[in-house]
């Protein structure tokens, strides 16, 4: 959770007087109000929320940050009033965006509520996690790879056509024949950034074996050209272990609290023709991991 920046009542009043002139000044003694904009109050809670949305740079003057944040709130309120004067808040586009924003806020608050209940890992937890995941810590490897990035095929059947391919040249020829665009490059893969089961598979591959990994940009076919062991130690290792443990605990807590409710809610969903969820949306979560297998290994 991000640290809240708090302002005192005296500081709030000073900000209001210096930033907004004398209008409404006799009403700024209510404690939680730092300014008014045409009679609309700006509270200390709004100011804190604004400060939270833009984390402070190291060594920054908090007073200056408070003043700048308050001016952003004031300017936004002025522009919002002008927009309301022009009836923009009555348009369908506004109502749709308002609903979307409200849903995003509520979803984020739900996530934060679950995260707030996750216990902080102990030193013993951290040491145990590091020992259980050597590919992320003591035996962390950085692989130099030759790589082809390409768009995922339209179906799993098409993807299986790549299984017999052994080299990047063969894959490039196949992609070209199928009119699938691709990019060939040299890059690196860090074993610390991979799921443990995938890191273990890659570590056990024969030399020059091609393997496929999913990424946000598409699929990558990779051949390792060199491997460097770069252990992750000290504060960086501790931070990585803490983050991984908290993420794992958050995931388990979210599953425990939400899975049944989400499943029950999904049962009430009714689609109009042509809008139903794609078949792959209901595939098991392990599906991406199945793709992250040696391309030439038929057992994967």
Protein backbone atom coordinates (compact mmCIF):
# COMPACT_ATOMS: atom_id res chain seq x y z
CA UNK A 1 0.00 0.00 0.00
CA UNK A 2 1.30 3.49 -0.82
CA UNK A 3 2.08 5.80 2.07
CA UNK A 4 -0.46 8.55 2.64
CA UNK A 5 0.75 12.15 2.71
CA UNK A 6 -1.04 14.03 5.50
CA UNK A 7 -1.43 17.80 5.91
CA UNK A 8 -2.23 19.61 9.11
CA UNK A 9 -5.26 21.84 9.45
CA UNK A 10 -3.01 24.90 9.64
CA UNK A 11 -1.16 23.92 6.49
CA UNK A 12 -4.44 23.21 4.76
CA UNK A 13 -5.78 26.65 5.63
CA UNK A 14 -2.56 28.30 4.46
CA UNK A 15 -2.75 26.47 1.15
CA UNK A 16 -6.34 27.47 0.66
CA UNK A 17 -5.68 31.15 1.35
CA UNK A 18 -2.58 31.35 -0.84
CA UNK A 19 -4.05 29.31 -3.68
CA UNK A 20 -7.60 30.54 -3.85
CA UNK A 21 -7.69 34.11 -2.64
CA UNK A 22 -10.16 35.32 -0.05
CA UNK A 23 -13.37 33.85 -1.46
CA UNK A 24 -14.90 31.49 1.08
CA UNK A 25 -11.96 32.08 3.42
CA UNK A 26 -14.24 32.34 6.43
CA UNK A 27 -15.34 28.74 5.81
CA UNK A 28 -11.87 27.16 5.80
CA UNK A 29 -11.78 26.50 9.54
CA UNK A 30 -13.76 23.25 9.24
CA UNK A 31 -10.61 21.16 9.53
CA UNK A 32 -11.03 18.85 6.56
CA UNK A 33 -11.45 21.55 3.89
CA UNK A 34 -8.29 22.87 2.21
CA UNK A 35 -9.93 25.08 -0.43
CA UNK A 36 -13.20 25.86 -2.16
CA UNK A 37 -13.86 26.26 -5.88
CA UNK A 38 -16.95 28.36 -6.55
CA UNK A 39 -18.35 27.07 -3.28
CA UNK A 40 -17.39 23.41 -3.87
CA UNK A 41 -15.14 22.08 -1.13
CA UNK A 42 -11.75 20.47 -1.70
CA UNK A 43 -11.03 18.23 1.28
CA UNK A 44 -7.79 16.98 2.76
CA UNK A 45 -8.84 13.49 1.67
CA UNK A 46 -8.99 14.59 -1.97
CA UNK A 47 -5.58 16.20 -1.59
CA UNK A 48 -4.16 13.00 -0.11
CA UNK A 49 -5.67 10.95 -2.95
CA UNK A 50 -4.09 13.32 -5.48
CA UNK A 51 -0.71 12.96 -3.81
CA UNK A 52 -1.06 9.18 -3.80
CA UNK A 53 -1.69 9.14 -7.55
CA UNK A 54 1.75 10.66 -8.23
CA UNK A 55 4.43 9.14 -5.95
CA UNK A 56 6.95 11.68 -4.70
CA UNK A 57 10.46 11.72 -6.20
CA UNK A 58 13.23 11.06 -3.69
CA UNK A 59 14.14 14.19 -1.75
CA UNK A 60 11.18 16.23 -2.98
CA UNK A 61 9.78 18.99 -0.75
CA UNK A 62 6.44 17.71 0.55
CA UNK A 63 5.04 21.22 0.92
CA UNK A 64 5.70 21.96 -2.73
CA UNK A 65 4.14 18.64 -3.71
CA UNK A 66 1.03 19.48 -1.66
CA UNK A 67 0.74 22.88 -3.32
CA UNK A 68 1.13 21.44 -6.82
CA UNK A 69 -1.33 18.64 -6.09
CA UNK A 70 -3.93 21.10 -4.78
CA UNK A 71 -3.59 23.21 -7.91
CA UNK A 72 -4.20 20.12 -10.06
CA UNK A 73 -7.37 19.34 -8.10
CA UNK A 74 -8.58 22.94 -8.40
CA UNK A 75 -7.89 23.08 -12.14
CA UNK A 76 -9.69 19.77 -12.65
CA UNK A 77 -12.73 20.99 -10.72
CA UNK A 78 -12.84 24.21 -12.74
CA UNK A 79 -12.70 22.30 -16.03
CA UNK A 80 -15.32 19.83 -14.79
CA UNK A 81 -17.67 22.70 -13.92
CA UNK A 82 -17.22 24.20 -17.38
CA UNK A 83 -17.98 20.78 -18.89
CA UNK A 84 -21.14 20.49 -16.78
CA UNK A 85 -22.17 23.99 -17.82
CA UNK A 86 -21.98 22.74 -21.40
CA UNK A 87 -24.15 19.71 -20.48
CA UNK A 88 -21.40 17.22 -21.30
CA UNK A 89 -22.35 15.24 -18.19
CA UNK A 90 -25.71 14.49 -19.84
CA UNK A 91 -24.25 12.85 -22.95
CA UNK A 92 -24.25 9.06 -23.55
CA UNK A 93 -20.46 9.13 -23.95
CA UNK A 94 -20.04 10.60 -20.45
CA UNK A 95 -22.41 8.12 -18.85
CA UNK A 96 -20.57 5.19 -20.43
CA UNK A 97 -17.16 6.49 -19.32
CA UNK A 98 -18.53 7.22 -15.83
CA UNK A 99 -19.81 3.68 -15.46
CA UNK A 100 -16.51 2.25 -16.70
CA UNK A 101 -14.52 4.44 -14.31
CA UNK A 102 -16.71 3.46 -11.37
CA UNK A 103 -16.30 -0.23 -12.16
CA UNK A 104 -12.51 0.12 -12.46
CA UNK A 105 -12.35 1.95 -9.13
CA UNK A 106 -14.44 -0.70 -7.38
CA UNK A 107 -12.41 -3.55 -8.90
CA UNK A 108 -9.19 -1.85 -7.79
CA UNK A 109 -10.53 -1.30 -4.28
CA UNK A 110 -11.53 -4.96 -4.08
CA UNK A 111 -8.03 -5.98 -5.13
CA UNK A 112 -6.50 -3.62 -2.56
CA UNK A 113 -8.79 -4.97 0.16
CA UNK A 114 -7.65 -8.54 -0.55
CA UNK A 115 -4.01 -7.43 -0.74
CA UNK A 116 -4.26 -5.67 2.64
CA UNK A 117 -5.03 -9.02 4.26
CA UNK A 118 -1.95 -10.75 2.87
CA UNK A 119 0.61 -11.39 5.59
CA UNK A 120 4.14 -10.10 5.21
CA UNK A 121 6.69 -12.92 4.63
CA UNK A 122 9.04 -13.68 7.50
CA UNK A 123 12.80 -14.06 7.18
CA UNK A 124 12.32 -17.83 7.33
CA UNK A 125 9.72 -17.67 4.54
CA UNK A 126 12.11 -15.66 2.38
CA UNK A 127 15.06 -18.01 2.94
CA UNK A 128 12.92 -21.05 2.24
CA UNK A 129 11.56 -19.52 -0.97
CA UNK A 130 15.03 -18.61 -2.23
CA UNK A 131 16.31 -22.12 -1.53
CA UNK A 132 13.34 -23.68 -3.33
CA UNK A 133 13.83 -21.53 -6.45
CA UNK A 134 17.55 -21.63 -7.34
CA UNK A 135 16.85 -20.54 -10.94
CA UNK A 136 15.68 -17.20 -9.56
CA UNK A 137 18.45 -16.73 -7.03
CA UNK A 138 21.65 -18.75 -6.45
CA UNK A 139 21.60 -20.34 -9.93
CA UNK A 140 19.93 -17.51 -11.83
CA UNK A 141 20.83 -17.76 -15.51
CA UNK A 142 20.79 -15.18 -18.26
CA UNK A 143 20.42 -16.81 -21.66
CA UNK A 144 21.58 -15.13 -24.84
CA UNK A 145 19.13 -16.34 -27.49
CA UNK A 146 18.42 -16.04 -31.16
CA UNK A 147 14.70 -15.44 -31.36
CA UNK A 148 11.77 -15.27 -33.76
CA UNK A 149 8.73 -13.31 -32.62
CA UNK A 150 5.48 -14.10 -34.41
CA UNK A 151 1.72 -13.82 -33.99
CA UNK A 152 -0.01 -16.84 -32.42
CA UNK A 153 -1.63 -19.20 -34.95
CA UNK A 154 -5.40 -19.10 -35.17
CA UNK A 155 -5.83 -22.48 -33.46
CA UNK A 156 -4.00 -25.08 -31.38
CA UNK A 157 -4.11 -27.37 -34.40
CA UNK A 158 -2.07 -24.82 -36.35
CA UNK A 159 0.34 -24.49 -33.46
CA UNK A 160 0.93 -28.24 -33.41
CA UNK A 161 2.18 -27.99 -37.00
CA UNK A 162 5.29 -26.33 -35.54
CA UNK A 163 6.10 -29.35 -33.34
CA UNK A 164 8.25 -31.22 -35.90
CA UNK A 165 10.36 -28.12 -36.62
CA UNK A 166 13.86 -28.25 -35.17
CA UNK A 167 15.52 -24.97 -36.18
CA UNK A 168 14.69 -21.30 -36.50
CA UNK A 169 15.36 -21.51 -40.23
CA UNK A 170 12.70 -24.21 -40.57
CA UNK A 171 10.27 -22.12 -38.52
CA UNK A 172 10.97 -19.00 -40.59
CA UNK A 173 10.26 -20.99 -43.75
CA UNK A 174 7.01 -22.32 -42.28
CA UNK A 175 5.87 -18.87 -41.18
CA UNK A 176 6.68 -17.45 -44.58
CA UNK A 177 4.74 -20.22 -46.32
CA UNK A 178 1.73 -19.52 -44.06
CA UNK A 179 1.99 -15.77 -44.69
CA UNK A 180 2.52 -15.11 -40.95
CA UNK A 181 4.60 -12.02 -40.22
CA UNK A 182 7.58 -12.46 -37.91
CA UNK A 183 10.66 -10.68 -36.63
CA UNK A 184 14.05 -12.32 -36.08
CA UNK A 185 16.44 -10.87 -33.52
CA UNK A 186 18.99 -11.55 -30.78
CA UNK A 187 17.98 -10.93 -27.18
CA UNK A 188 18.23 -12.28 -23.63
CA UNK A 189 15.99 -14.36 -21.36
CA UNK A 190 16.37 -14.11 -17.57
CA UNK A 191 15.51 -17.32 -15.72
CA UNK A 192 14.44 -15.22 -12.71
CA UNK A 193 11.57 -13.81 -14.76
CA UNK A 194 10.22 -17.21 -15.83
CA UNK A 195 7.73 -19.44 -14.01
CA UNK A 196 9.79 -22.02 -12.08
CA UNK A 197 8.50 -24.99 -14.08
CA UNK A 198 9.40 -23.28 -17.37
CA UNK A 199 12.85 -22.28 -16.10
CA UNK A 200 13.48 -25.91 -15.14
CA UNK A 201 12.43 -27.16 -18.60
CA UNK A 202 14.70 -24.67 -20.36
CA UNK A 203 17.64 -25.53 -18.10
CA UNK A 204 17.26 -29.19 -19.08
CA UNK A 205 17.13 -28.67 -22.85
CA UNK A 206 19.80 -30.18 -25.10
CA UNK A 207 22.16 -27.70 -26.73
CA UNK A 208 20.64 -25.73 -29.64
CA UNK A 209 17.13 -27.10 -28.93
CA UNK A 210 14.40 -24.71 -30.08
CA UNK A 211 11.65 -23.85 -27.59
CA UNK A 212 8.57 -21.64 -27.75
CA UNK A 213 7.45 -19.13 -25.11
CA UNK A 214 4.34 -16.95 -24.99
CA UNK A 215 4.79 -13.20 -24.46
CA UNK A 216 2.52 -10.18 -24.43
CA UNK A 217 3.57 -9.44 -28.00
CA UNK A 218 2.91 -12.95 -29.32
CA UNK A 219 4.90 -16.18 -29.40
CA UNK A 220 8.67 -16.45 -29.44
CA UNK A 221 10.76 -19.31 -30.75
CA UNK A 222 14.18 -19.33 -29.13
CA UNK A 223 17.55 -21.03 -29.45
CA UNK A 224 20.12 -20.49 -26.70
CA UNK A 225 23.50 -19.31 -27.96
CA UNK A 226 25.20 -18.84 -24.57
CA UNK A 227 24.42 -19.04 -20.85
CA UNK A 228 25.77 -16.88 -18.03
CA UNK A 229 25.15 -17.65 -14.36
CA UNK A 230 24.38 -14.38 -12.55
CA UNK A 231 23.28 -15.09 -8.95
CA UNK A 232 20.72 -12.72 -7.48
CA UNK A 233 21.80 -11.87 -3.93
CA UNK A 234 21.48 -9.26 -1.20
CA UNK A 235 18.66 -6.71 -1.00
CA UNK A 236 17.59 -7.36 -4.60
CA UNK A 237 17.12 -11.05 -3.88
CA UNK A 238 15.17 -10.31 -0.72
CA UNK A 239 12.89 -7.86 -2.52
CA UNK A 240 12.28 -10.35 -5.35
CA UNK A 241 11.41 -13.10 -2.88
CA UNK A 242 9.08 -10.85 -0.88
CA UNK A 243 7.28 -9.71 -4.04
CA UNK A 244 6.92 -13.28 -5.30
CA UNK A 245 5.62 -14.56 -1.97
CA UNK A 246 3.13 -11.71 -1.64
CA UNK A 247 1.94 -12.23 -5.21
CA UNK A 248 1.47 -15.94 -4.57
CA UNK A 249 -0.40 -15.30 -1.32
CA UNK A 250 -2.55 -12.64 -2.97
CA UNK A 251 -3.42 -15.03 -5.79
CA UNK A 252 -4.43 -17.75 -3.33
CA UNK A 253 -6.45 -15.30 -1.23
CA UNK A 254 -8.20 -13.91 -4.30
CA UNK A 255 -9.03 -17.42 -5.51
CA UNK A 256 -10.40 -18.40 -2.11
CA UNK A 257 -12.53 -15.28 -1.78
CA UNK A 258 -13.68 -14.76 -5.35
CA UNK A 259 -13.65 -17.95 -7.42
CA UNK A 260 -17.01 -19.30 -6.27
CA UNK A 261 -18.66 -15.89 -6.49
CA UNK A 262 -17.25 -15.23 -9.96
CA UNK A 263 -18.32 -18.67 -11.16
CA UNK A 264 -21.85 -18.13 -9.84
CA UNK A 265 -22.02 -14.66 -11.42
CA UNK A 266 -20.80 -15.98 -14.78
CA UNK A 267 -23.67 -18.47 -14.78
CA UNK A 268 -26.07 -15.52 -14.98
CA UNK A 269 -24.40 -14.01 -18.06
CA UNK A 270 -26.48 -14.13 -21.24
CA UNK A 271 -24.92 -13.25 -24.57
CA UNK A 272 -26.58 -11.91 -27.68
CA UNK A 273 -25.78 -13.93 -30.83
CA UNK A 274 -22.22 -13.36 -32.01
CA UNK A 275 -20.94 -11.95 -28.71
CA UNK A 276 -20.21 -15.08 -26.67
CA UNK A 277 -16.77 -15.55 -25.15
CA UNK A 278 -14.19 -17.16 -27.46
CA UNK A 279 -13.50 -20.84 -26.82
CA UNK A 280 -9.94 -20.16 -25.65
CA UNK A 281 -11.22 -17.93 -22.85
CA UNK A 282 -12.41 -21.02 -21.01
CA UNK A 283 -9.17 -22.94 -21.51
CA UNK A 284 -7.24 -24.00 -18.39
CA UNK A 285 -4.80 -21.47 -16.99
CA UNK A 286 -1.96 -23.92 -17.71
CA UNK A 287 -2.45 -23.62 -21.47
CA UNK A 288 0.29 -20.99 -21.93
CA UNK A 289 2.72 -23.22 -20.04
CA UNK A 290 2.00 -26.08 -22.42
CA UNK A 291 3.17 -23.87 -25.27
CA UNK A 292 6.36 -23.05 -23.43
CA UNK A 293 7.81 -26.39 -24.35
CA UNK A 294 10.57 -27.58 -26.64
CA UNK A 295 9.20 -27.27 -30.15
CA UNK A 296 10.50 -30.61 -31.29
CA UNK A 297 9.39 -32.65 -28.26
CA UNK A 298 6.15 -34.45 -29.05
CA UNK A 299 5.63 -35.38 -25.41
CA UNK A 300 5.02 -31.75 -24.47
